[in-house]
Amino acid sequence: MGAPQGRPGHGRWETVLIIGIIGAGHIGLASAERLRKLDATTTLVASTVRDGVHGTDDIPRLIADHDIVVIAAPLTLDTRQLVDQKFLAAMPDDALLINVGRGEIVDTDALISELCTGRLRAALDVTRP
């Protein structure tokens, strides 16, 4: 019997996960490389568009079909509260938000509101407050 669809089974996923990584610095690039080895499809987003990296203006369109969104961006004036109610609303039902960046990047109240509905899931390394 196989593992449930979208859940780990024998070290591999039975479906291809689509993972968006916001932040294409060392952590974001290293994460994408490792996730690709697990047969995940990754999308990189950063403030500077370059080959293989989308710009932040593309975020609402891109995250709409992503199973997981990883925040690995630095805290800047542009990333503060980047993950707000509008960002979270663009994520599909049952998506997972992972923040390994700075707490101030995520609007904690907006995230708690979404989590309380059960629509989204989250794994947070940091929060603010």
C-alpha atoms as a PDB file:
ATOM      1  CA  MET A   1       0.000   0.000   0.000  1.00  0.00           C
ATOM      2  CA  GLY A   2       1.415   3.386  -0.981  1.00  0.00           C
ATOM      3  CA  ALA A   3       1.587   6.466   1.194  1.00  0.00           C
ATOM      4  CA  PRO A   4      -1.262   8.973   0.956  1.00  0.00           C
ATOM      5  CA  GLN A   5      -0.961  11.325  -1.983  1.00  0.00           C
ATOM      6  CA  GLY A   6       1.202  14.341  -1.184  1.00  0.00           C
ATOM      7  CA  ARG A   7       2.695  12.790   1.939  1.00  0.00           C
ATOM      8  CA  PRO A   8       6.125  11.188   2.343  1.00  0.00           C
ATOM      9  CA  GLY A   9       6.443   7.496   1.637  1.00  0.00           C
ATOM     10  CA  HIS A  10       9.699   5.523   1.461  1.00  0.00           C
ATOM     11  CA  GLY A  11      11.797   8.671   1.173  1.00  0.00           C
ATOM     12  CA  ARG A  12       9.974  10.042  -1.896  1.00  0.00           C
ATOM     13  CA  TRP A  13       6.733  11.885  -2.518  1.00  0.00           C
ATOM     14  CA  GLU A  14       4.064  10.142  -4.541  1.00  0.00           C
ATOM     15  CA  THR A  15       3.210  13.431  -6.228  1.00  0.00           C
ATOM     16  CA  VAL A  16       5.565  16.145  -7.358  1.00  0.00           C
ATOM     17  CA  LEU A  17       5.569  18.976  -4.855  1.00  0.00           C
ATOM     18  CA  ILE A  18       5.649  22.511  -6.211  1.00  0.00           C
ATOM     19  CA  ILE A  19       7.694  24.675  -3.863  1.00  0.00           C
ATOM     20  CA  GLY A  20       8.197  28.416  -4.106  1.00  0.00           C
ATOM     21  CA  ILE A  21      11.252  29.918  -2.444  1.00  0.00           C
ATOM     22  CA  ILE A  22      11.174  33.650  -1.738  1.00  0.00           C
ATOM     23  CA  GLY A  23      14.815  34.681  -1.500  1.00  0.00           C
ATOM     24  CA  ALA A  24      17.478  33.502  -3.932  1.00  0.00           C
ATOM     25  CA  GLY A  25      20.528  34.040  -1.755  1.00  0.00           C
ATOM     26  CA  HIS A  26      22.694  31.283  -0.310  1.00  0.00           C
ATOM     27  CA  ILE A  27      19.912  29.698   1.777  1.00  0.00           C
ATOM     28  CA  GLY A  28      17.289  29.891  -0.963  1.00  0.00           C
ATOM     29  CA  LEU A  29      19.589  28.474  -3.645  1.00  0.00           C
ATOM     30  CA  ALA A  30      20.854  25.677  -1.372  1.00  0.00           C
ATOM     31  CA  SER A  31      17.275  24.807  -0.425  1.00  0.00           C
ATOM     32  CA  ALA A  32      16.195  24.673  -4.072  1.00  0.00           C
ATOM     33  CA  GLU A  33      19.120  22.412  -4.954  1.00  0.00           C
ATOM     34  CA  ARG A  34      18.291  19.960  -2.172  1.00  0.00           C
ATOM     35  CA  LEU A  35      14.570  19.978  -2.913  1.00  0.00           C
ATOM     36  CA  ARG A  36      15.191  19.225  -6.592  1.00  0.00           C
ATOM     37  CA  LYS A  37      17.099  16.114  -5.510  1.00  0.00           C
ATOM     38  CA  LEU A  38      13.830  15.003  -3.896  1.00  0.00           C
ATOM     39  CA  ASP A  39      12.097  15.482  -7.255  1.00  0.00           C
ATOM     40  CA  ALA A  40      10.318  18.670  -6.160  1.00  0.00           C
ATOM     41  CA  THR A  41       9.619  21.415  -8.651  1.00  0.00           C
ATOM     42  CA  THR A  42      11.013  24.687  -7.327  1.00  0.00           C
ATOM     43  CA  THR A  43      10.401  28.311  -8.212  1.00  0.00           C
ATOM     44  CA  LEU A  44      12.836  30.980  -7.028  1.00  0.00           C
ATOM     45  CA  VAL A  45      11.771  34.584  -6.394  1.00  0.00           C
ATOM     46  CA  ALA A  46      14.001  37.529  -5.477  1.00  0.00           C
ATOM     47  CA  SER A  47      14.100  41.300  -5.695  1.00  0.00           C
ATOM     48  CA  THR A  48      16.464  41.062  -8.676  1.00  0.00           C
ATOM     49  CA  VAL A  49      15.194  39.184 -11.735  1.00  0.00           C
ATOM     50  CA  ARG A  50      17.821  36.984 -13.360  1.00  0.00           C
ATOM     51  CA  ASP A  51      18.037  33.683 -15.207  1.00  0.00           C
ATOM     52  CA  GLY A  52      15.918  31.167 -13.308  1.00  0.00           C
ATOM     53  CA  VAL A  53      14.740  33.716 -10.723  1.00  0.00           C
ATOM     54  CA  HIS A  54      11.400  35.533 -10.886  1.00  0.00           C
ATOM     55  CA  GLY A  55      10.824  39.021  -9.516  1.00  0.00           C
ATOM     56  CA  THR A  56       8.677  39.788  -6.490  1.00  0.00           C
ATOM     57  CA  ASP A  57       5.973  41.294  -8.723  1.00  0.00           C
ATOM     58  CA  ASP A  58       5.265  37.726  -9.901  1.00  0.00           C
ATOM     59  CA  ILE A  59       4.535  36.403  -6.388  1.00  0.00           C
ATOM     60  CA  PRO A  60       0.698  36.511  -6.458  1.00  0.00           C
ATOM     61  CA  ARG A  61       0.568  34.650  -9.771  1.00  0.00           C
ATOM     62  CA  LEU A  62       3.265  32.136  -8.846  1.00  0.00           C
ATOM     63  CA  ILE A  63       2.164  31.066  -5.378  1.00  0.00           C
ATOM     64  CA  ALA A  64      -1.392  30.301  -6.450  1.00  0.00           C
ATOM     65  CA  ASP A  65      -0.432  26.739  -7.407  1.00  0.00           C
ATOM     66  CA  HIS A  66       2.414  26.053  -4.968  1.00  0.00           C
ATOM     67  CA  ASP A  67       2.077  23.378  -2.283  1.00  0.00           C
ATOM     68  CA  ILE A  68       4.767  24.996  -0.128  1.00  0.00           C
ATOM     69  CA  VAL A  69       6.145  28.539   0.062  1.00  0.00           C
ATOM     70  CA  VAL A  70       9.485  28.984   1.827  1.00  0.00           C
ATOM     71  CA  ILE A  71      10.487  32.449   3.019  1.00  0.00           C
ATOM     72  CA  ALA A  72      14.290  32.716   2.969  1.00  0.00           C
ATOM     73  CA  ALA A  73      14.589  36.414   2.181  1.00  0.00           C
ATOM     74  CA  PRO A  74      16.470  39.039   4.177  1.00  0.00           C
ATOM     75  CA  LEU A  75      14.530  41.717   6.025  1.00  0.00           C
ATOM     76  CA  THR A  76      14.467  44.917   3.968  1.00  0.00           C
ATOM     77  CA  LEU A  77      12.014  47.760   3.510  1.00  0.00           C
ATOM     78  CA  ASP A  78      10.568  45.782   0.575  1.00  0.00           C
ATOM     79  CA  THR A  79      10.229  42.467   2.436  1.00  0.00           C
ATOM     80  CA  ARG A  80       8.852  43.796   5.751  1.00  0.00           C
ATOM     81  CA  GLN A  81       5.269  42.448   5.997  1.00  0.00           C
ATOM     82  CA  LEU A  82       5.627  40.925   2.514  1.00  0.00           C
ATOM     83  CA  VAL A  83       3.574  37.960   3.681  1.00  0.00           C
ATOM     84  CA  ASP A  84       0.344  39.785   4.442  1.00  0.00           C
ATOM     85  CA  GLN A  85      -3.355  38.924   4.153  1.00  0.00           C
ATOM     86  CA  LYS A  86      -3.286  39.370   0.358  1.00  0.00           C
ATOM     87  CA  PHE A  87      -0.208  37.111   0.009  1.00  0.00           C
ATOM     88  CA  LEU A  88      -1.768  34.418   2.213  1.00  0.00           C
ATOM     89  CA  ALA A  89      -5.097  34.628   0.367  1.00  0.00           C
ATOM     90  CA  ALA A  90      -3.255  33.897  -2.899  1.00  0.00           C
ATOM     91  CA  MET A  91      -1.935  30.595  -1.506  1.00  0.00           C
ATOM     92  CA  PRO A  92      -4.025  27.510  -2.315  1.00  0.00           C
ATOM     93  CA  ASP A  93      -5.980  25.646   0.348  1.00  0.00           C
ATOM     94  CA  ASP A  94      -3.836  23.318   2.503  1.00  0.00           C
ATOM     95  CA  ALA A  95      -0.597  25.000   1.395  1.00  0.00           C
ATOM     96  CA  LEU A  96       2.314  25.191   3.829  1.00  0.00           C
ATOM     97  CA  LEU A  97       4.171  28.424   4.624  1.00  0.00           C
ATOM     98  CA  ILE A  98       7.697  27.944   5.972  1.00  0.00           C
ATOM     99  CA  ASN A  99       9.547  30.979   7.311  1.00  0.00           C
ATOM    100  CA  VAL A 100      13.295  30.618   7.830  1.00  0.00           C
ATOM    101  CA  GLY A 101      13.811  34.333   7.202  1.00  0.00           C
ATOM    102  CA  ARG A 102      12.989  37.120   9.640  1.00  0.00           C
ATOM    103  CA  GLY A 103       9.805  37.310  11.681  1.00  0.00           C
ATOM    104  CA  GLU A 104       8.978  40.803  10.452  1.00  0.00           C
ATOM    105  CA  ILE A 105       8.551  39.479   6.901  1.00  0.00           C
ATOM    106  CA  VAL A 106       5.287  37.804   7.950  1.00  0.00           C
ATOM    107  CA  ASP A 107       2.226  39.670   9.210  1.00  0.00           C
ATOM    108  CA  THR A 108       1.692  37.469  12.267  1.00  0.00           C
ATOM    109  CA  ASP A 109      -1.923  38.549  12.809  1.00  0.00           C
ATOM    110  CA  ALA A 110      -2.849  37.754   9.203  1.00  0.00           C
ATOM    111  CA  LEU A 111      -1.129  34.370   9.439  1.00  0.00           C
ATOM    112  CA  ILE A 112      -2.853  33.483  12.722  1.00  0.00           C
ATOM    113  CA  SER A 113      -6.170  34.411  11.145  1.00  0.00           C
ATOM    114  CA  GLU A 114      -5.562  32.003   8.241  1.00  0.00           C
ATOM    115  CA  LEU A 115      -4.263  29.252  10.514  1.00  0.00           C
ATOM    116  CA  CYS A 116      -7.351  29.472  12.733  1.00  0.00           C
ATOM    117  CA  THR A 117      -9.555  28.695   9.728  1.00  0.00           C
ATOM    118  CA  GLY A 118      -7.525  25.560   9.007  1.00  0.00           C
ATOM    119  CA  ARG A 119      -7.027  26.631   5.388  1.00  0.00           C
ATOM    120  CA  LEU A 120      -3.225  26.968   5.573  1.00  0.00           C
ATOM    121  CA  ARG A 121      -0.412  25.356   7.538  1.00  0.00           C
ATOM    122  CA  ALA A 122       2.817  26.942   8.753  1.00  0.00           C
ATOM    123  CA  ALA A 123       6.262  26.034  10.064  1.00  0.00           C
ATOM    124  CA  LEU A 124       8.004  29.028  11.581  1.00  0.00           C
ATOM    125  CA  ASP A 125      11.601  29.412  12.659  1.00  0.00           C
ATOM    126  CA  VAL A 126      10.898  32.952  13.847  1.00  0.00           C
ATOM    127  CA  THR A 127       7.901  35.172  14.582  1.00  0.00           C
ATOM    128  CA  ARG A 128       7.253  38.782  15.462  1.00  0.00           C
ATOM    129  CA  PRO A 129       5.911  39.433  18.048  1.00  0.00           C
END
